[in-house]
């Protein structure tokens, strides 16, 4: 199973990173654009999109299981 893609706050912007990594792979000005790109990344993998709130709390994160479009 591939690692999940996390949408996280990155300063005043939003970023995507693989779960478990500290480096981000993409940075966006809006949360919606970051979510859209994360969905594109997981489209052909057996992973999910994890959307963190603005305080980076994964305990309150929204998880989109097996996002296929």
PDB file of N, CA and C in Angstrom:
ATOM      1  N   UNK A   1       0.842  -1.180   0.000  1.00  0.00           N
ATOM      2  CA  UNK A   1       0.000   0.000   0.000  1.00  0.00           C
ATOM      3  C   UNK A   1       0.882   1.236   0.000  1.00  0.00           C
ATOM      4  N   UNK A   2       0.550   2.180  -0.841  1.00  0.00           N
ATOM      5  CA  UNK A   2       1.289   3.434  -0.896  1.00  0.00           C
ATOM      6  C   UNK A   2       0.991   4.284   0.327  1.00  0.00           C
ATOM      7  N   UNK A   3       1.893   5.180   0.621  1.00  0.00           N
ATOM      8  CA  UNK A   3       1.663   6.077   1.749  1.00  0.00           C
ATOM      9  C   UNK A   3       0.626   7.132   1.368  1.00  0.00           C
ATOM     10  N   UNK A   4      -0.161   7.537   2.341  1.00  0.00           N
ATOM     11  CA  UNK A   4      -1.193   8.542   2.122  1.00  0.00           C
ATOM     12  C   UNK A   4      -0.581   9.898   1.820  1.00  0.00           C
ATOM     13  N   UNK A   5      -1.326  10.728   1.131  1.00  0.00           N
ATOM     14  CA  UNK A   5      -0.939  12.099   0.853  1.00  0.00           C
ATOM     15  C   UNK A   5      -1.623  12.994   1.881  1.00  0.00           C
ATOM     16  N   UNK A   6      -0.859  13.849   2.543  1.00  0.00           N
ATOM     17  CA  UNK A   6      -1.412  14.755   3.539  1.00  0.00           C
ATOM     18  C   UNK A   6      -1.476  16.164   2.966  1.00  0.00           C
ATOM     19  N   UNK A   7      -2.607  16.830   3.176  1.00  0.00           N
ATOM     20  CA  UNK A   7      -2.749  18.246   2.857  1.00  0.00           C
ATOM     21  C   UNK A   7      -2.566  18.982   4.179  1.00  0.00           C
ATOM     22  N   UNK A   8      -1.516  19.795   4.272  1.00  0.00           N
ATOM     23  CA  UNK A   8      -1.145  20.441   5.536  1.00  0.00           C
ATOM     24  C   UNK A   8      -0.958  21.941   5.346  1.00  0.00           C
ATOM     25  N   UNK A   9      -1.103  22.670   6.430  1.00  0.00           N
ATOM     26  CA  UNK A   9      -0.844  24.109   6.431  1.00  0.00           C
ATOM     27  C   UNK A   9       0.662  24.312   6.305  1.00  0.00           C
ATOM     28  N   UNK A  10       1.072  25.279   5.491  1.00  0.00           N
ATOM     29  CA  UNK A  10       2.493  25.542   5.245  1.00  0.00           C
ATOM     30  C   UNK A  10       2.683  27.052   5.256  1.00  0.00           C
ATOM     31  N   UNK A  11       2.903  27.593   6.446  1.00  0.00           N
ATOM     32  CA  UNK A  11       2.936  29.051   6.586  1.00  0.00           C
ATOM     33  C   UNK A  11       1.527  29.581   6.378  1.00  0.00           C
ATOM     34  N   UNK A  12       1.352  30.495   5.451  1.00  0.00           N
ATOM     35  CA  UNK A  12       0.014  30.981   5.127  1.00  0.00           C
ATOM     36  C   UNK A  12      -0.575  30.256   3.917  1.00  0.00           C
ATOM     37  N   UNK A  13       0.163  29.273   3.396  1.00  0.00           N
ATOM     38  CA  UNK A  13      -0.284  28.499   2.238  1.00  0.00           C
ATOM     39  C   UNK A  13      -0.592  27.066   2.644  1.00  0.00           C
ATOM     40  N   UNK A  14      -0.916  26.218   1.669  1.00  0.00           N
ATOM     41  CA  UNK A  14      -1.216  24.807   1.895  1.00  0.00           C
ATOM     42  C   UNK A  14      -0.271  23.961   1.066  1.00  0.00           C
ATOM     43  N   UNK A  15       0.090  22.796   1.573  1.00  0.00           N
ATOM     44  CA  UNK A  15       1.064  21.940   0.897  1.00  0.00           C
ATOM     45  C   UNK A  15       0.623  20.482   0.952  1.00  0.00           C
ATOM     46  N   UNK A  16       1.257  19.689   0.091  1.00  0.00           N
ATOM     47  CA  UNK A  16       1.040  18.241   0.061  1.00  0.00           C
ATOM     48  C   UNK A  16       2.355  17.578   0.430  1.00  0.00           C
ATOM     49  N   UNK A  17       2.263  16.556   1.274  1.00  0.00           N
ATOM     50  CA  UNK A  17       3.434  15.743   1.594  1.00  0.00           C
ATOM     51  C   UNK A  17       2.969  14.308   1.799  1.00  0.00           C
ATOM     52  N   UNK A  18       3.905  13.379   1.588  1.00  0.00           N
ATOM     53  CA  UNK A  18       3.598  11.985   1.871  1.00  0.00           C
ATOM     54  C   UNK A  18       3.570  11.789   3.374  1.00  0.00           C
ATOM     55  N   UNK A  19       2.678  10.933   3.817  1.00  0.00           N
ATOM     56  CA  UNK A  19       2.567  10.653   5.242  1.00  0.00           C
ATOM     57  C   UNK A  19       3.896  10.123   5.764  1.00  0.00           C
ATOM     58  N   UNK A  20       4.379  10.692   6.851  1.00  0.00           N
ATOM     59  CA  UNK A  20       5.638  10.283   7.436  1.00  0.00           C
ATOM     60  C   UNK A  20       6.817  11.152   7.027  1.00  0.00           C
ATOM     61  N   UNK A  21       6.666  11.956   5.975  1.00  0.00           N
ATOM     62  CA  UNK A  21       7.740  12.845   5.533  1.00  0.00           C
ATOM     63  C   UNK A  21       7.615  14.217   6.185  1.00  0.00           C
ATOM     64  N   UNK A  22       8.743  14.922   6.272  1.00  0.00           N
ATOM     65  CA  UNK A  22       8.710  16.305   6.751  1.00  0.00           C
ATOM     66  C   UNK A  22       8.770  17.281   5.589  1.00  0.00           C
ATOM     67  N   UNK A  23       9.368  16.874   4.470  1.00  0.00           N
ATOM     68  CA  UNK A  23       9.436  17.735   3.289  1.00  0.00           C
ATOM     69  C   UNK A  23       8.133  17.692   2.525  1.00  0.00           C
ATOM     70  N   UNK A  24       7.732  18.835   1.985  1.00  0.00           N
ATOM     71  CA  UNK A  24       6.520  18.888   1.183  1.00  0.00           C
ATOM     72  C   UNK A  24       6.873  18.682  -0.283  1.00  0.00           C
ATOM     73  N   UNK A  25       5.912  18.188  -1.056  1.00  0.00           N
ATOM     74  CA  UNK A  25       6.149  17.942  -2.478  1.00  0.00           C
ATOM     75  C   UNK A  25       5.570  19.028  -3.360  1.00  0.00           C
ATOM     76  N   UNK A  26       4.469  19.658  -2.929  1.00  0.00           N
ATOM     77  CA  UNK A  26       3.825  20.733  -3.685  1.00  0.00           C
ATOM     78  C   UNK A  26       3.285  21.770  -2.714  1.00  0.00           C
ATOM     79  N   UNK A  27       3.301  23.054  -3.123  1.00  0.00           N
ATOM     80  CA  UNK A  27       2.771  24.142  -2.296  1.00  0.00           C
ATOM     81  C   UNK A  27       1.747  24.921  -3.126  1.00  0.00           C
ATOM     82  N   UNK A  28       0.622  25.282  -2.488  1.00  0.00           N
ATOM     83  CA  UNK A  28      -0.479  25.978  -3.158  1.00  0.00           C
ATOM     84  C   UNK A  28      -0.947  27.162  -2.324  1.00  0.00           C
ATOM     85  N   UNK A  29      -1.565  28.123  -2.994  1.00  0.00           N
ATOM     86  CA  UNK A  29      -2.116  29.285  -2.295  1.00  0.00           C
ATOM     87  C   UNK A  29      -3.458  28.998  -1.653  1.00  0.00           C
ATOM     88  N   UNK A  30      -4.158  27.970  -2.115  1.00  0.00           N
ATOM     89  CA  UNK A  30      -5.471  27.659  -1.543  1.00  0.00           C
ATOM     90  C   UNK A  30      -5.562  26.190  -1.145  1.00  0.00           C
ATOM     91  N   UNK A  31      -6.368  25.933  -0.154  1.00  0.00           N
ATOM     92  CA  UNK A  31      -6.583  24.579   0.339  1.00  0.00           C
ATOM     93  C   UNK A  31      -7.278  23.731  -0.728  1.00  0.00           C
ATOM     94  N   UNK A  32      -8.202  24.330  -1.455  1.00  0.00           N
ATOM     95  CA  UNK A  32      -8.944  23.605  -2.490  1.00  0.00           C
ATOM     96  C   UNK A  32      -8.023  23.085  -3.592  1.00  0.00           C
ATOM     97  N   UNK A  33      -7.061  23.915  -4.017  1.00  0.00           N
ATOM     98  CA  UNK A  33      -6.116  23.481  -5.049  1.00  0.00           C
ATOM     99  C   UNK A  33      -5.223  22.357  -4.544  1.00  0.00           C
ATOM    100  N   UNK A  34      -4.825  22.429  -3.293  1.00  0.00           N
ATOM    101  CA  UNK A  34      -3.991  21.378  -2.701  1.00  0.00           C
ATOM    102  C   UNK A  34      -4.753  20.063  -2.629  1.00  0.00           C
ATOM    103  N   UNK A  35      -6.018  20.121  -2.229  1.00  0.00           N
ATOM    104  CA  UNK A  35      -6.842  18.912  -2.152  1.00  0.00           C
ATOM    105  C   UNK A  35      -7.036  18.312  -3.533  1.00  0.00           C
ATOM    106  N   UNK A  36      -7.280  19.162  -4.516  1.00  0.00           N
ATOM    107  CA  UNK A  36      -7.471  18.687  -5.888  1.00  0.00           C
ATOM    108  C   UNK A  36      -6.228  17.958  -6.401  1.00  0.00           C
ATOM    109  N   UNK A  37      -5.060  18.524  -6.164  1.00  0.00           N
ATOM    110  CA  UNK A  37      -3.810  17.889  -6.606  1.00  0.00           C
ATOM    111  C   UNK A  37      -3.563  16.585  -5.855  1.00  0.00           C
ATOM    112  N   UNK A  38      -3.845  16.571  -4.553  1.00  0.00           N
ATOM    113  CA  UNK A  38      -3.664  15.341  -3.772  1.00  0.00           C
ATOM    114  C   UNK A  38      -4.574  14.237  -4.292  1.00  0.00           C
ATOM    115  N   UNK A  39      -5.793  14.574  -4.648  1.00  0.00           N
ATOM    116  CA  UNK A  39      -6.707  13.581  -5.221  1.00  0.00           C
ATOM    117  C   UNK A  39      -6.174  13.040  -6.533  1.00  0.00           C
ATOM    118  N   UNK A  40      -5.582  13.914  -7.346  1.00  0.00           N
ATOM    119  CA  UNK A  40      -4.982  13.474  -8.605  1.00  0.00           C
ATOM    120  C   UNK A  40      -3.833  12.505  -8.348  1.00  0.00           C
ATOM    121  N   UNK A  41      -3.026  12.788  -7.341  1.00  0.00           N
ATOM    122  CA  UNK A  41      -1.877  11.929  -7.018  1.00  0.00           C
ATOM    123  C   UNK A  41      -2.331  10.541  -6.587  1.00  0.00           C
ATOM    124  N   UNK A  42      -3.381  10.457  -5.771  1.00  0.00           N
ATOM    125  CA  UNK A  42      -3.804   9.152  -5.245  1.00  0.00           C
ATOM    126  C   UNK A  42      -4.762   8.412  -6.173  1.00  0.00           C
ATOM    127  N   UNK A  43      -5.129   9.024  -7.262  1.00  0.00           N
ATOM    128  CA  UNK A  43      -6.108   8.430  -8.173  1.00  0.00           C
ATOM    129  C   UNK A  43      -5.745   7.003  -8.574  1.00  0.00           C
ATOM    130  N   UNK A  44      -4.497   6.747  -8.893  1.00  0.00           N
ATOM    131  CA  UNK A  44      -4.088   5.426  -9.377  1.00  0.00           C
ATOM    132  C   UNK A  44      -3.310   4.619  -8.350  1.00  0.00           C
ATOM    133  N   UNK A  45      -3.426   4.979  -7.096  1.00  0.00           N
ATOM    134  CA  UNK A  45      -2.720   4.247  -6.047  1.00  0.00           C
ATOM    135  C   UNK A  45      -3.713   3.763  -4.996  1.00  0.00           C
ATOM    136  N   UNK A  46      -3.258   2.878  -4.166  1.00  0.00           N
ATOM    137  CA  UNK A  46      -4.103   2.367  -3.083  1.00  0.00           C
ATOM    138  C   UNK A  46      -3.844   3.189  -1.823  1.00  0.00           C
ATOM    139  N   UNK A  47      -3.974   4.502  -1.940  1.00  0.00           N
ATOM    140  CA  UNK A  47      -3.736   5.370  -0.794  1.00  0.00           C
ATOM    141  C   UNK A  47      -4.899   6.331  -0.629  1.00  0.00           C
ATOM    142  N   UNK A  48      -4.809   7.188   0.374  1.00  0.00           N
ATOM    143  CA  UNK A  48      -5.883   8.114   0.702  1.00  0.00           C
ATOM    144  C   UNK A  48      -5.339   9.525   0.836  1.00  0.00           C
ATOM    145  N   UNK A  49      -6.261  10.491   0.847  1.00  0.00           N
ATOM    146  CA  UNK A  49      -5.920  11.884   1.108  1.00  0.00           C
ATOM    147  C   UNK A  49      -6.284  12.179   2.555  1.00  0.00           C
ATOM    148  N   UNK A  50      -5.338  12.720   3.312  1.00  0.00           N
ATOM    149  CA  UNK A  50      -5.584  13.121   4.697  1.00  0.00           C
ATOM    150  C   UNK A  50      -5.491  14.642   4.746  1.00  0.00           C
ATOM    151  N   UNK A  51      -6.590  15.287   5.167  1.00  0.00           N
ATOM    152  CA  UNK A  51      -6.627  16.746   5.229  1.00  0.00           C
ATOM    153  C   UNK A  51      -6.512  17.173   6.686  1.00  0.00           C
ATOM    154  N   UNK A  52      -5.408  17.853   7.013  1.00  0.00           N
ATOM    155  CA  UNK A  52      -5.180  18.316   8.379  1.00  0.00           C
ATOM    156  C   UNK A  52      -5.814  19.686   8.569  1.00  0.00           C
ATOM    157  N   UNK A  53      -6.258  19.960   9.792  1.00  0.00           N
ATOM    158  CA  UNK A  53      -6.770  21.293  10.056  1.00  0.00           C
ATOM    159  C   UNK A  53      -5.600  22.260  10.168  1.00  0.00           C
ATOM    160  N   UNK A  54      -5.869  23.519  10.367  1.00  0.00           N
ATOM    161  CA  UNK A  54      -4.814  24.527  10.329  1.00  0.00           C
ATOM    162  C   UNK A  54      -3.817  24.422  11.476  1.00  0.00           C
ATOM    163  N   UNK A  55      -4.114  23.643  12.518  1.00  0.00           N
ATOM    164  CA  UNK A  55      -3.168  23.471  13.625  1.00  0.00           C
ATOM    165  C   UNK A  55      -2.378  22.173  13.498  1.00  0.00           C
ATOM    166  N   UNK A  56      -2.463  21.496  12.342  1.00  0.00           N
ATOM    167  CA  UNK A  56      -1.736  20.260  12.061  1.00  0.00           C
ATOM    168  C   UNK A  56      -2.168  19.089  12.923  1.00  0.00           C
ATOM    169  N   UNK A  57      -3.343  19.156  13.513  1.00  0.00           N
ATOM    170  CA  UNK A  57      -3.804  18.079  14.380  1.00  0.00           C
ATOM    171  C   UNK A  57      -4.332  16.923  13.541  1.00  0.00           C
ATOM    172  N   UNK A  58      -3.608  15.816  13.522  1.00  0.00           N
ATOM    173  CA  UNK A  58      -4.065  14.651  12.760  1.00  0.00           C
ATOM    174  C   UNK A  58      -5.215  13.946  13.468  1.00  0.00           C
ATOM    175  N   UNK A  59      -5.342  14.136  14.772  1.00  0.00           N
ATOM    176  CA  UNK A  59      -6.440  13.517  15.500  1.00  0.00           C
ATOM    177  C   UNK A  59      -7.795  14.029  15.053  1.00  0.00           C
ATOM    178  N   UNK A  60      -7.818  15.241  14.534  1.00  0.00           N
ATOM    179  CA  UNK A  60      -9.065  15.825  14.057  1.00  0.00           C
ATOM    180  C   UNK A  60      -9.076  15.944  12.537  1.00  0.00           C
ATOM    181  N   UNK A  61      -8.190  15.207  11.886  1.00  0.00           N
ATOM    182  CA  UNK A  61      -8.079  15.306  10.433  1.00  0.00           C
ATOM    183  C   UNK A  61      -9.255  14.627   9.748  1.00  0.00           C
ATOM    184  N   UNK A  62      -9.574  15.118   8.574  1.00  0.00           N
ATOM    185  CA  UNK A  62     -10.576  14.472   7.724  1.00  0.00           C
ATOM    186  C   UNK A  62      -9.831  13.544   6.785  1.00  0.00           C
ATOM    187  N   UNK A  63     -10.254  12.307   6.704  1.00  0.00           N
ATOM    188  CA  UNK A  63      -9.581  11.341   5.844  1.00  0.00           C
ATOM    189  C   UNK A  63     -10.546  10.910   4.740  1.00  0.00           C
ATOM    190  N   UNK A  64     -10.114  11.065   3.523  1.00  0.00           N
ATOM    191  CA  UNK A  64     -10.900  10.650   2.374  1.00  0.00           C
ATOM    192  C   UNK A  64     -10.366   9.292   1.936  1.00  0.00           C
ATOM    193  N   UNK A  65     -11.085   8.249   2.275  1.00  0.00           N
ATOM    194  CA  UNK A  65     -10.634   6.888   2.006  1.00  0.00           C
ATOM    195  C   UNK A  65     -10.744   6.540   0.533  1.00  0.00           C
ATOM    196  N   UNK A  66      -9.684   5.964  -0.002  1.00  0.00           N
ATOM    197  CA  UNK A  66      -9.660   5.429  -1.368  1.00  0.00           C
ATOM    198  C   UNK A  66     -10.373   6.350  -2.358  1.00  0.00           C
ATOM    199  N   UNK A  67      -9.804   7.485  -2.575  1.00  0.00           N
ATOM    200  CA  UNK A  67     -10.398   8.477  -3.467  1.00  0.00           C
ATOM    201  C   UNK A  67     -10.149   8.056  -4.901  1.00  0.00           C
ATOM    202  N   UNK A  68     -11.184   7.677  -5.601  1.00  0.00           N
ATOM    203  CA  UNK A  68     -11.093   7.308  -7.010  1.00  0.00           C
ATOM    204  C   UNK A  68     -12.054   8.179  -7.802  1.00  0.00           C
ATOM    205  N   UNK A  69     -11.589   8.723  -8.906  1.00  0.00           N
ATOM    206  CA  UNK A  69     -12.431   9.590  -9.740  1.00  0.00           C
ATOM    207  C   UNK A  69     -12.383   9.145 -11.173  1.00  0.00           C
TER     208      UNK A  69
END
